[in-house]
PDB file of N, CA and C in Angstrom:
ATOM      1  N   MET A   1       0.809  -1.181   0.000  1.00  0.00           N
ATOM      2  CA  MET A   1       0.000   0.000   0.000  1.00  0.00           C
ATOM      3  C   MET A   1       0.858   1.253   0.000  1.00  0.00           C
ATOM      4  N   PHE A   2       1.907   1.310   0.795  1.00  0.00           N
ATOM      5  CA  PHE A   2       2.757   2.485   0.861  1.00  0.00           C
ATOM      6  C   PHE A   2       4.078   2.292   0.119  1.00  0.00           C
ATOM      7  N   GLY A   3       4.389   1.103  -0.286  1.00  0.00           N
ATOM      8  CA  GLY A   3       5.662   0.839  -0.939  1.00  0.00           C
ATOM      9  C   GLY A   3       6.680   0.353   0.068  1.00  0.00           C
ATOM     10  N   LYS A   4       7.756  -0.167  -0.425  1.00  0.00           N
ATOM     11  CA  LYS A   4       8.745  -0.783   0.453  1.00  0.00           C
ATOM     12  C   LYS A   4       9.657   0.217   1.134  1.00  0.00           C
ATOM     13  N   LYS A   5       9.904   1.370   0.520  1.00  0.00           N
ATOM     14  CA  LYS A   5      10.925   2.265   1.048  1.00  0.00           C
ATOM     15  C   LYS A   5      10.376   3.498   1.744  1.00  0.00           C
ATOM     16  N   LYS A   6       9.067   3.649   1.791  1.00  0.00           N
ATOM     17  CA  LYS A   6       8.494   4.833   2.415  1.00  0.00           C
ATOM     18  C   LYS A   6       8.194   4.566   3.888  1.00  0.00           C
ATOM     19  N   MET A   7       8.590   5.485   4.730  1.00  0.00           N
ATOM     20  CA  MET A   7       8.271   5.393   6.151  1.00  0.00           C
ATOM     21  C   MET A   7       6.812   5.805   6.338  1.00  0.00           C
ATOM     22  N   VAL A   8       6.090   5.061   7.124  1.00  0.00           N
ATOM     23  CA  VAL A   8       4.685   5.367   7.391  1.00  0.00           C
ATOM     24  C   VAL A   8       4.627   6.240   8.637  1.00  0.00           C
ATOM     25  N   THR A   9       4.010   7.390   8.502  1.00  0.00           N
ATOM     26  CA  THR A   9       3.893   8.315   9.624  1.00  0.00           C
ATOM     27  C   THR A   9       2.507   8.215  10.246  1.00  0.00           C
ATOM     28  N   GLU A  10       2.341   8.850  11.390  1.00  0.00           N
ATOM     29  CA  GLU A  10       1.031   8.882  12.043  1.00  0.00           C
ATOM     30  C   GLU A  10       0.005   9.566  11.153  1.00  0.00           C
ATOM     31  N   ALA A  11       0.429  10.590  10.434  1.00  0.00           N
ATOM     32  CA  ALA A  11      -0.475  11.300   9.530  1.00  0.00           C
ATOM     33  C   ALA A  11      -0.959  10.385   8.408  1.00  0.00           C
ATOM     34  N   ASP A  12      -0.093   9.516   7.894  1.00  0.00           N
ATOM     35  CA  ASP A  12      -0.482   8.557   6.856  1.00  0.00           C
ATOM     36  C   ASP A  12      -1.561   7.604   7.383  1.00  0.00           C
ATOM     37  N   ILE A  13      -1.364   7.131   8.594  1.00  0.00           N
ATOM     38  CA  ILE A  13      -2.330   6.204   9.191  1.00  0.00           C
ATOM     39  C   ILE A  13      -3.660   6.906   9.416  1.00  0.00           C
ATOM     40  N   ARG A  14      -3.636   8.122   9.955  1.00  0.00           N
ATOM     41  CA  ARG A  14      -4.871   8.876  10.176  1.00  0.00           C
ATOM     42  C   ARG A  14      -5.612   9.124   8.865  1.00  0.00           C
ATOM     43  N   MET A  15      -4.865   9.418   7.801  1.00  0.00           N
ATOM     44  CA  MET A  15      -5.470   9.662   6.495  1.00  0.00           C
ATOM     45  C   MET A  15      -6.175   8.397   5.991  1.00  0.00           C
ATOM     46  N   CYS A  16      -5.529   7.252   6.133  1.00  0.00           N
ATOM     47  CA  CYS A  16      -6.135   5.995   5.686  1.00  0.00           C
ATOM     48  C   CYS A  16      -7.379   5.660   6.509  1.00  0.00           C
ATOM     49  N   ILE A  17      -7.314   5.874   7.804  1.00  0.00           N
ATOM     50  CA  ILE A  17      -8.469   5.633   8.670  1.00  0.00           C
ATOM     51  C   ILE A  17      -9.612   6.551   8.266  1.00  0.00           C
ATOM     52  N   LYS A  18      -9.320   7.821   7.974  1.00  0.00           N
ATOM     53  CA  LYS A  18     -10.355   8.763   7.557  1.00  0.00           C
ATOM     54  C   LYS A  18     -11.011   8.322   6.256  1.00  0.00           C
ATOM     55  N   LYS A  19     -10.212   7.851   5.298  1.00  0.00           N
ATOM     56  CA  LYS A  19     -10.763   7.391   4.021  1.00  0.00           C
ATOM     57  C   LYS A  19     -11.663   6.170   4.219  1.00  0.00           C
ATOM     58  N   ILE A  20     -11.267   5.270   5.096  1.00  0.00           N
ATOM     59  CA  ILE A  20     -12.104   4.100   5.381  1.00  0.00           C
ATOM     60  C   ILE A  20     -13.400   4.536   6.046  1.00  0.00           C
ATOM     61  N   ARG A  21     -13.310   5.460   7.004  1.00  0.00           N
ATOM     62  CA  ARG A  21     -14.517   5.950   7.676  1.00  0.00           C
ATOM     63  C   ARG A  21     -15.447   6.666   6.714  1.00  0.00           C
ATOM     64  N   ASP A  22     -14.886   7.381   5.736  1.00  0.00           N
ATOM     65  CA  ASP A  22     -15.715   8.062   4.736  1.00  0.00           C
ATOM     66  C   ASP A  22     -16.492   7.067   3.874  1.00  0.00           C
ATOM     67  N   LYS A  23     -15.904   5.896   3.630  1.00  0.00           N
ATOM     68  CA  LYS A  23     -16.535   4.895   2.770  1.00  0.00           C
ATOM     69  C   LYS A  23     -17.440   3.930   3.540  1.00  0.00           C
ATOM     70  N   THR A  24     -17.283   3.858   4.849  1.00  0.00           N
ATOM     71  CA  THR A  24     -18.083   2.946   5.672  1.00  0.00           C
ATOM     72  C   THR A  24     -18.804   3.759   6.738  1.00  0.00           C
ATOM     73  N   ASP A  25     -19.391   3.063   7.657  1.00  0.00           N
ATOM     74  CA  ASP A  25     -20.011   3.709   8.807  1.00  0.00           C
ATOM     75  C   ASP A  25     -18.909   4.322   9.674  1.00  0.00           C
ATOM     76  N   ALA A  26     -19.165   5.479  10.225  1.00  0.00           N
ATOM     77  CA  ALA A  26     -18.144   6.180  11.006  1.00  0.00           C
ATOM     78  C   ALA A  26     -17.728   5.399  12.257  1.00  0.00           C
ATOM     79  N   THR A  27     -18.570   4.484  12.711  1.00  0.00           N
ATOM     80  CA  THR A  27     -18.246   3.711  13.913  1.00  0.00           C
ATOM     81  C   THR A  27     -17.625   2.358  13.579  1.00  0.00           C
ATOM     82  N   PHE A  28     -17.336   2.103  12.301  1.00  0.00           N
ATOM     83  CA  PHE A  28     -16.713   0.829  11.908  1.00  0.00           C
ATOM     84  C   PHE A  28     -15.332   0.686  12.537  1.00  0.00           C
ATOM     85  N   ILE A  29     -14.567   1.764  12.549  1.00  0.00           N
ATOM     86  CA  ILE A  29     -13.255   1.782  13.198  1.00  0.00           C
ATOM     87  C   ILE A  29     -13.348   2.769  14.350  1.00  0.00           C
ATOM     88  N   VAL A  30     -13.077   2.287  15.548  1.00  0.00           N
ATOM     89  CA  VAL A  30     -13.143   3.142  16.724  1.00  0.00           C
ATOM     90  C   VAL A  30     -11.736   3.356  17.267  1.00  0.00           C
ATOM     91  N   ASN A  31     -11.560   4.453  17.956  1.00  0.00           N
ATOM     92  CA  ASN A  31     -10.273   4.763  18.561  1.00  0.00           C
ATOM     93  C   ASN A  31     -10.378   4.508  20.055  1.00  0.00           C
ATOM     94  N   LYS A  32      -9.631   3.532  20.532  1.00  0.00           N
ATOM     95  CA  LYS A  32      -9.604   3.200  21.947  1.00  0.00           C
ATOM     96  C   LYS A  32      -8.403   3.889  22.581  1.00  0.00           C
ATOM     97  N   LYS A  33      -8.666   4.758  23.535  1.00  0.00           N
ATOM     98  CA  LYS A  33      -7.594   5.507  24.183  1.00  0.00           C
ATOM     99  C   LYS A  33      -6.585   4.540  24.812  1.00  0.00           C
ATOM    100  N   GLY A  34      -5.331   4.734  24.482  1.00  0.00           N
ATOM    101  CA  GLY A  34      -4.272   3.896  25.012  1.00  0.00           C
ATOM    102  C   GLY A  34      -4.015   2.624  24.219  1.00  0.00           C
ATOM    103  N   PHE A  35      -4.909   2.274  23.280  1.00  0.00           N
ATOM    104  CA  PHE A  35      -4.754   1.058  22.492  1.00  0.00           C
ATOM    105  C   PHE A  35      -4.578   1.336  21.006  1.00  0.00           C
ATOM    106  N   GLY A  36      -5.188   2.395  20.503  1.00  0.00           N
ATOM    107  CA  GLY A  36      -5.117   2.710  19.084  1.00  0.00           C
ATOM    108  C   GLY A  36      -6.437   2.443  18.403  1.00  0.00           C
ATOM    109  N   TYR A  37      -6.397   2.159  17.117  1.00  0.00           N
ATOM    110  CA  TYR A  37      -7.603   1.937  16.328  1.00  0.00           C
ATOM    111  C   TYR A  37      -8.032   0.490  16.425  1.00  0.00           C
ATOM    112  N   LYS A  38      -9.356   0.287  16.413  1.00  0.00           N
ATOM    113  CA  LYS A  38      -9.889  -1.057  16.521  1.00  0.00           C
ATOM    114  C   LYS A  38     -11.131  -1.162  15.651  1.00  0.00           C
ATOM    115  N   ILE A  39     -11.295  -2.299  14.962  1.00  0.00           N
ATOM    116  CA  ILE A  39     -12.487  -2.546  14.165  1.00  0.00           C
ATOM    117  C   ILE A  39     -13.565  -3.054  15.120  1.00  0.00           C
ATOM    118  N   ASP A  40     -14.738  -2.422  15.070  1.00  0.00           N
ATOM    119  CA  ASP A  40     -15.847  -2.805  15.930  1.00  0.00           C
ATOM    120  C   ASP A  40     -16.529  -4.030  15.332  1.00  0.00           C
ATOM    121  N   ARG A  41     -16.310  -5.192  15.921  1.00  0.00           N
ATOM    122  CA  ARG A  41     -16.857  -6.446  15.384  1.00  0.00           C
ATOM    123  C   ARG A  41     -18.261  -6.737  15.909  1.00  0.00           C
ATOM    124  N   LYS A  42     -18.786  -5.902  16.792  1.00  0.00           N
ATOM    125  CA  LYS A  42     -20.109  -6.128  17.363  1.00  0.00           C
ATOM    126  C   LYS A  42     -21.220  -5.794  16.380  1.00  0.00           C
ATOM    127  N   ARG A  43     -20.918  -5.014  15.327  1.00  0.00           N
ATOM    128  CA  ARG A  43     -21.944  -4.617  14.372  1.00  0.00           C
ATOM    129  C   ARG A  43     -22.264  -5.726  13.437  1.00  0.00           C
TER     130      ARG A  43
END
């Protein structure tokens, strides 16, 4: 997705999460404080 030689930054991850949230339900990926991003499997 990012290529072999590119460093992935926090901004890159946030951008990808935002794009996924735009295409799905906003609660599909939740942010758990202290743990990071998590896919909500209860839906």
